[in-house]
Amino acid sequence: MNKRKILGYILWAIAFLIPFQPAILSTDGIHNVTGLISFLVLLVLLFTGYFLVDGANAAEKAAHQGH
């Protein structure tokens, strides 16, 4: 495993440690800034982790196809 893949998995773990209750489930009041910020951080961490893991997989496949 390379560093990008490990970093991607760490970002996924951090993303799922963010409490989902304020991020998604709390609908009390219109001004739920904490929930919005939590949800946006969750999305950013998930997609960044996916980008890192997917990029690491593509680099590993390209390295195995060398002549």
PDB file of N, CA and C in Angstrom:
ATOM      1  N   MET A   1       0.845  -1.178   0.000  1.00  0.00           N
ATOM      2  CA  MET A   1       0.000   0.000   0.000  1.00  0.00           C
ATOM      3  C   MET A   1       0.891   1.241   0.000  1.00  0.00           C
ATOM      4  N   ASN A   2       0.480   2.200  -0.771  1.00  0.00           N
ATOM      5  CA  ASN A   2       1.271   3.420  -0.787  1.00  0.00           C
ATOM      6  C   ASN A   2       0.632   4.486   0.117  1.00  0.00           C
ATOM      7  N   LYS A   3       1.315   5.618   0.213  1.00  0.00           N
ATOM      8  CA  LYS A   3       0.899   6.661   1.150  1.00  0.00           C
ATOM      9  C   LYS A   3      -0.446   7.277   0.786  1.00  0.00           C
ATOM     10  N   ARG A   4      -0.721   7.427  -0.516  1.00  0.00           N
ATOM     11  CA  ARG A   4      -1.995   8.043  -0.924  1.00  0.00           C
ATOM     12  C   ARG A   4      -3.182   7.171  -0.509  1.00  0.00           C
ATOM     13  N   LYS A   5      -3.036   5.869  -0.659  1.00  0.00           N
ATOM     14  CA  LYS A   5      -4.129   4.972  -0.301  1.00  0.00           C
ATOM     15  C   LYS A   5      -4.363   4.984   1.209  1.00  0.00           C
ATOM     16  N   ILE A   6      -3.293   4.968   1.976  1.00  0.00           N
ATOM     17  CA  ILE A   6      -3.419   5.004   3.436  1.00  0.00           C
ATOM     18  C   ILE A   6      -4.054   6.321   3.877  1.00  0.00           C
ATOM     19  N   LEU A   7      -3.618   7.431   3.282  1.00  0.00           N
ATOM     20  CA  LEU A   7      -4.203   8.729   3.621  1.00  0.00           C
ATOM     21  C   LEU A   7      -5.691   8.771   3.266  1.00  0.00           C
ATOM     22  N   GLY A   8      -6.066   8.174   2.136  1.00  0.00           N
ATOM     23  CA  GLY A   8      -7.474   8.114   1.752  1.00  0.00           C
ATOM     24  C   GLY A   8      -8.307   7.343   2.760  1.00  0.00           C
ATOM     25  N   TYR A   9      -7.789   6.215   3.234  1.00  0.00           N
ATOM     26  CA  TYR A   9      -8.509   5.432   4.245  1.00  0.00           C
ATOM     27  C   TYR A   9      -8.624   6.194   5.562  1.00  0.00           C
ATOM     28  N   ILE A  10      -7.586   6.932   5.912  1.00  0.00           N
ATOM     29  CA  ILE A  10      -7.645   7.737   7.134  1.00  0.00           C
ATOM     30  C   ILE A  10      -8.707   8.825   7.008  1.00  0.00           C
ATOM     31  N   LEU A  11      -8.783   9.474   5.837  1.00  0.00           N
ATOM     32  CA  LEU A  11      -9.810  10.494   5.629  1.00  0.00           C
ATOM     33  C   LEU A  11     -11.209   9.904   5.706  1.00  0.00           C
ATOM     34  N   TRP A  12     -11.392   8.700   5.171  1.00  0.00           N
ATOM     35  CA  TRP A  12     -12.694   8.042   5.276  1.00  0.00           C
ATOM     36  C   TRP A  12     -13.044   7.765   6.733  1.00  0.00           C
ATOM     37  N   ALA A  13     -12.065   7.309   7.507  1.00  0.00           N
ATOM     38  CA  ALA A  13     -12.325   7.023   8.925  1.00  0.00           C
ATOM     39  C   ALA A  13     -12.710   8.303   9.663  1.00  0.00           C
ATOM     40  N   ILE A  14     -12.008   9.400   9.376  1.00  0.00           N
ATOM     41  CA  ILE A  14     -12.341  10.677  10.016  1.00  0.00           C
ATOM     42  C   ILE A  14     -13.731  11.141   9.597  1.00  0.00           C
ATOM     43  N   ALA A  15     -14.058  10.953   8.314  1.00  0.00           N
ATOM     44  CA  ALA A  15     -15.377  11.373   7.827  1.00  0.00           C
ATOM     45  C   ALA A  15     -16.495  10.637   8.554  1.00  0.00           C
ATOM     46  N   PHE A  16     -16.295   9.356   8.832  1.00  0.00           N
ATOM     47  CA  PHE A  16     -17.352   8.606   9.503  1.00  0.00           C
ATOM     48  C   PHE A  16     -17.341   8.783  11.012  1.00  0.00           C
ATOM     49  N   LEU A  17     -16.316   9.436  11.547  1.00  0.00           N
ATOM     50  CA  LEU A  17     -16.314   9.762  12.970  1.00  0.00           C
ATOM     51  C   LEU A  17     -17.060  11.062  13.260  1.00  0.00           C
ATOM     52  N   ILE A  18     -17.325  11.843  12.224  1.00  0.00           N
ATOM     53  CA  ILE A  18     -18.109  13.067  12.398  1.00  0.00           C
ATOM     54  C   ILE A  18     -19.525  12.664  12.812  1.00  0.00           C
ATOM     55  N   PRO A  19     -20.034  13.255  13.854  1.00  0.00           N
ATOM     56  CA  PRO A  19     -21.387  12.872  14.306  1.00  0.00           C
ATOM     57  C   PRO A  19     -22.432  13.145  13.223  1.00  0.00           C
ATOM     58  N   PHE A  20     -23.197  12.135  12.884  1.00  0.00           N
ATOM     59  CA  PHE A  20     -24.217  12.285  11.856  1.00  0.00           C
ATOM     60  C   PHE A  20     -25.448  13.027  12.369  1.00  0.00           C
ATOM     61  N   GLN A  21     -25.687  13.001  13.659  1.00  0.00           N
ATOM     62  CA  GLN A  21     -26.890  13.628  14.193  1.00  0.00           C
ATOM     63  C   GLN A  21     -26.957  15.115  13.858  1.00  0.00           C
ATOM     64  N   PRO A  22     -25.920  15.918  14.133  1.00  0.00           N
ATOM     65  CA  PRO A  22     -26.040  17.318  13.722  1.00  0.00           C
ATOM     66  C   PRO A  22     -25.855  17.507  12.228  1.00  0.00           C
ATOM     67  N   ALA A  23     -25.180  16.564  11.570  1.00  0.00           N
ATOM     68  CA  ALA A  23     -24.908  16.734  10.142  1.00  0.00           C
ATOM     69  C   ALA A  23     -26.140  16.479   9.288  1.00  0.00           C
ATOM     70  N   ILE A  24     -26.931  15.473   9.627  1.00  0.00           N
ATOM     71  CA  ILE A  24     -28.023  15.080   8.745  1.00  0.00           C
ATOM     72  C   ILE A  24     -29.376  15.076   9.445  1.00  0.00           C
ATOM     73  N   LEU A  25     -29.425  14.586  10.665  1.00  0.00           N
ATOM     74  CA  LEU A  25     -30.703  14.293  11.297  1.00  0.00           C
ATOM     75  C   LEU A  25     -31.339  15.464  12.036  1.00  0.00           C
ATOM     76  N   SER A  26     -30.563  16.458  12.397  1.00  0.00           N
ATOM     77  CA  SER A  26     -31.113  17.558  13.191  1.00  0.00           C
ATOM     78  C   SER A  26     -31.795  18.564  12.274  1.00  0.00           C
ATOM     79  N   THR A  27     -33.093  18.638  12.360  1.00  0.00           N
ATOM     80  CA  THR A  27     -33.850  19.565  11.517  1.00  0.00           C
ATOM     81  C   THR A  27     -34.538  20.641  12.348  1.00  0.00           C
ATOM     82  N   ASP A  28     -34.142  20.778  13.599  1.00  0.00           N
ATOM     83  CA  ASP A  28     -34.756  21.796  14.465  1.00  0.00           C
ATOM     84  C   ASP A  28     -34.221  23.170  14.104  1.00  0.00           C
ATOM     85  N   GLY A  29     -35.078  24.026  13.610  1.00  0.00           N
ATOM     86  CA  GLY A  29     -34.673  25.392  13.292  1.00  0.00           C
ATOM     87  C   GLY A  29     -34.074  25.517  11.903  1.00  0.00           C
ATOM     88  N   ILE A  30     -34.152  26.689  11.372  1.00  0.00           N
ATOM     89  CA  ILE A  30     -33.642  26.962  10.035  1.00  0.00           C
ATOM     90  C   ILE A  30     -32.151  27.247  10.052  1.00  0.00           C
ATOM     91  N   HIS A  31     -31.645  27.852  11.131  1.00  0.00           N
ATOM     92  CA  HIS A  31     -30.258  28.293  11.200  1.00  0.00           C
ATOM     93  C   HIS A  31     -29.364  27.207  11.792  1.00  0.00           C
ATOM     94  N   ASN A  32     -29.311  26.069  11.174  1.00  0.00           N
ATOM     95  CA  ASN A  32     -28.516  24.951  11.661  1.00  0.00           C
ATOM     96  C   ASN A  32     -27.149  24.982  10.978  1.00  0.00           C
ATOM     97  N   VAL A  33     -26.347  25.970  11.338  1.00  0.00           N
ATOM     98  CA  VAL A  33     -25.036  26.154  10.714  1.00  0.00           C
ATOM     99  C   VAL A  33     -24.097  25.012  11.074  1.00  0.00           C
ATOM    100  N   THR A  34     -24.164  24.533  12.294  1.00  0.00           N
ATOM    101  CA  THR A  34     -23.306  23.418  12.707  1.00  0.00           C
ATOM    102  C   THR A  34     -23.579  22.182  11.863  1.00  0.00           C
ATOM    103  N   GLY A  35     -24.836  21.896  11.623  1.00  0.00           N
ATOM    104  CA  GLY A  35     -25.189  20.750  10.789  1.00  0.00           C
ATOM    105  C   GLY A  35     -24.720  20.919   9.361  1.00  0.00           C
ATOM    106  N   LEU A  36     -24.835  22.112   8.824  1.00  0.00           N
ATOM    107  CA  LEU A  36     -24.384  22.373   7.460  1.00  0.00           C
ATOM    108  C   LEU A  36     -22.879  22.203   7.337  1.00  0.00           C
ATOM    109  N   ILE A  37     -22.141  22.749   8.295  1.00  0.00           N
ATOM    110  CA  ILE A  37     -20.686  22.626   8.266  1.00  0.00           C
ATOM    111  C   ILE A  37     -20.270  21.166   8.424  1.00  0.00           C
ATOM    112  N   SER A  38     -20.909  20.436   9.330  1.00  0.00           N
ATOM    113  CA  SER A  38     -20.595  19.022   9.516  1.00  0.00           C
ATOM    114  C   SER A  38     -20.863  18.228   8.243  1.00  0.00           C
ATOM    115  N   PHE A  39     -21.969  18.508   7.593  1.00  0.00           N
ATOM    116  CA  PHE A  39     -22.319  17.794   6.374  1.00  0.00           C
ATOM    117  C   PHE A  39     -21.333  18.106   5.248  1.00  0.00           C
ATOM    118  N   LEU A  40     -20.942  19.375   5.106  1.00  0.00           N
ATOM    119  CA  LEU A  40     -19.981  19.740   4.062  1.00  0.00           C
ATOM    120  C   LEU A  40     -18.616  19.126   4.318  1.00  0.00           C
ATOM    121  N   VAL A  41     -18.185  19.096   5.568  1.00  0.00           N
ATOM    122  CA  VAL A  41     -16.905  18.457   5.899  1.00  0.00           C
ATOM    123  C   VAL A  41     -16.968  16.968   5.602  1.00  0.00           C
ATOM    124  N   LEU A  42     -18.089  16.346   5.930  1.00  0.00           N
ATOM    125  CA  LEU A  42     -18.286  14.933   5.628  1.00  0.00           C
ATOM    126  C   LEU A  42     -18.145  14.670   4.136  1.00  0.00           C
ATOM    127  N   LEU A  43     -18.803  15.480   3.318  1.00  0.00           N
ATOM    128  CA  LEU A  43     -18.722  15.300   1.867  1.00  0.00           C
ATOM    129  C   LEU A  43     -17.308  15.522   1.333  1.00  0.00           C
ATOM    130  N   VAL A  44     -16.654  16.559   1.802  1.00  0.00           N
ATOM    131  CA  VAL A  44     -15.297  16.852   1.334  1.00  0.00           C
ATOM    132  C   VAL A  44     -14.345  15.715   1.704  1.00  0.00           C
ATOM    133  N   LEU A  45     -14.433  15.214   2.921  1.00  0.00           N
ATOM    134  CA  LEU A  45     -13.556  14.124   3.335  1.00  0.00           C
ATOM    135  C   LEU A  45     -13.835  12.846   2.560  1.00  0.00           C
ATOM    136  N   LEU A  46     -15.104  12.550   2.308  1.00  0.00           N
ATOM    137  CA  LEU A  46     -15.438  11.345   1.550  1.00  0.00           C
ATOM    138  C   LEU A  46     -14.894  11.407   0.126  1.00  0.00           C
ATOM    139  N   PHE A  47     -15.128  12.523  -0.554  1.00  0.00           N
ATOM    140  CA  PHE A  47     -14.676  12.626  -1.942  1.00  0.00           C
ATOM    141  C   PHE A  47     -13.160  12.745  -2.051  1.00  0.00           C
ATOM    142  N   THR A  48     -12.519  13.418  -1.105  1.00  0.00           N
ATOM    143  CA  THR A  48     -11.061  13.498  -1.119  1.00  0.00           C
ATOM    144  C   THR A  48     -10.453  12.122  -0.870  1.00  0.00           C
ATOM    145  N   GLY A  49     -11.019  11.388   0.076  1.00  0.00           N
ATOM    146  CA  GLY A  49     -10.552  10.022   0.333  1.00  0.00           C
ATOM    147  C   GLY A  49     -10.733   9.134  -0.883  1.00  0.00           C
ATOM    148  N   TYR A  50     -11.868   9.260  -1.558  1.00  0.00           N
ATOM    149  CA  TYR A  50     -12.099   8.471  -2.763  1.00  0.00           C
ATOM    150  C   TYR A  50     -11.088   8.827  -3.853  1.00  0.00           C
ATOM    151  N   PHE A  51     -10.820  10.114  -4.025  1.00  0.00           N
ATOM    152  CA  PHE A  51      -9.852  10.564  -5.022  1.00  0.00           C
ATOM    153  C   PHE A  51      -8.470   9.975  -4.738  1.00  0.00           C
ATOM    154  N   LEU A  52      -8.054   9.977  -3.478  1.00  0.00           N
ATOM    155  CA  LEU A  52      -6.740   9.454  -3.121  1.00  0.00           C
ATOM    156  C   LEU A  52      -6.652   7.939  -3.310  1.00  0.00           C
ATOM    157  N   VAL A  53      -7.669   7.220  -2.863  1.00  0.00           N
ATOM    158  CA  VAL A  53      -7.651   5.756  -2.984  1.00  0.00           C
ATOM    159  C   VAL A  53      -7.746   5.342  -4.452  1.00  0.00           C
ATOM    160  N   ASP A  54      -8.623   5.978  -5.202  1.00  0.00           N
ATOM    161  CA  ASP A  54      -8.773   5.642  -6.613  1.00  0.00           C
ATOM    162  C   ASP A  54      -7.509   5.985  -7.400  1.00  0.00           C
ATOM    163  N   GLY A  55      -6.886   7.108  -7.091  1.00  0.00           N
ATOM    164  CA  GLY A  55      -5.642   7.478  -7.757  1.00  0.00           C
ATOM    165  C   GLY A  55      -4.522   6.512  -7.438  1.00  0.00           C
ATOM    166  N   ALA A  56      -4.484   6.017  -6.214  1.00  0.00           N
ATOM    167  CA  ALA A  56      -3.459   5.050  -5.829  1.00  0.00           C
ATOM    168  C   ALA A  56      -3.683   3.731  -6.554  1.00  0.00           C
ATOM    169  N   ASN A  57      -4.943   3.326  -6.707  1.00  0.00           N
ATOM    170  CA  ASN A  57      -5.234   2.084  -7.431  1.00  0.00           C
ATOM    171  C   ASN A  57      -4.844   2.203  -8.903  1.00  0.00           C
ATOM    172  N   ALA A  58      -5.100   3.348  -9.517  1.00  0.00           N
ATOM    173  CA  ALA A  58      -4.749   3.546 -10.915  1.00  0.00           C
ATOM    174  C   ALA A  58      -3.237   3.540 -11.089  1.00  0.00           C
ATOM    175  N   ALA A  59      -2.511   4.125 -10.151  1.00  0.00           N
ATOM    176  CA  ALA A  59      -1.058   4.145 -10.244  1.00  0.00           C
ATOM    177  C   ALA A  59      -0.477   2.735 -10.085  1.00  0.00           C
ATOM    178  N   GLU A  60      -1.086   1.921  -9.222  1.00  0.00           N
ATOM    179  CA  GLU A  60      -0.619   0.550  -9.051  1.00  0.00           C
ATOM    180  C   GLU A  60      -0.873  -0.277 -10.303  1.00  0.00           C
ATOM    181  N   LYS A  61      -2.012  -0.093 -10.931  1.00  0.00           N
ATOM    182  CA  LYS A  61      -2.318  -0.829 -12.170  1.00  0.00           C
ATOM    183  C   LYS A  61      -1.386  -0.419 -13.299  1.00  0.00           C
ATOM    184  N   ALA A  62      -1.073   0.868 -13.385  1.00  0.00           N
ATOM    185  CA  ALA A  62      -0.165   1.353 -14.432  1.00  0.00           C
ATOM    186  C   ALA A  62       1.246   0.818 -14.217  1.00  0.00           C
ATOM    187  N   ALA A  63       1.656   0.669 -12.977  1.00  0.00           N
ATOM    188  CA  ALA A  63       2.994   0.164 -12.681  1.00  0.00           C
ATOM    189  C   ALA A  63       3.121  -1.316 -13.059  1.00  0.00           C
ATOM    190  N   HIS A  64       2.028  -2.069 -12.972  1.00  0.00           N
ATOM    191  CA  HIS A  64       2.075  -3.500 -13.293  1.00  0.00           C
ATOM    192  C   HIS A  64       2.001  -3.743 -14.801  1.00  0.00           C
ATOM    193  N   GLN A  65       1.621  -2.764 -15.591  1.00  0.00           N
ATOM    194  CA  GLN A  65       1.491  -2.945 -17.041  1.00  0.00           C
ATOM    195  C   GLN A  65       2.747  -2.510 -17.782  1.00  0.00           C
ATOM    196  N   GLY A  66       3.818  -2.226 -17.072  1.00  0.00           N
ATOM    197  CA  GLY A  66       5.059  -1.771 -17.713  1.00  0.00           C
ATOM    198  C   GLY A  66       5.677  -2.865 -18.572  1.00  0.00           C
ATOM    199  N   HIS A  67       6.525  -2.448 -19.498  1.00  0.00           N
ATOM    200  CA  HIS A  67       7.161  -3.425 -20.402  1.00  0.00           C
ATOM    201  C   HIS A  67       8.437  -3.914 -19.806  1.00  0.00           C
TER     202      HIS A  67
END
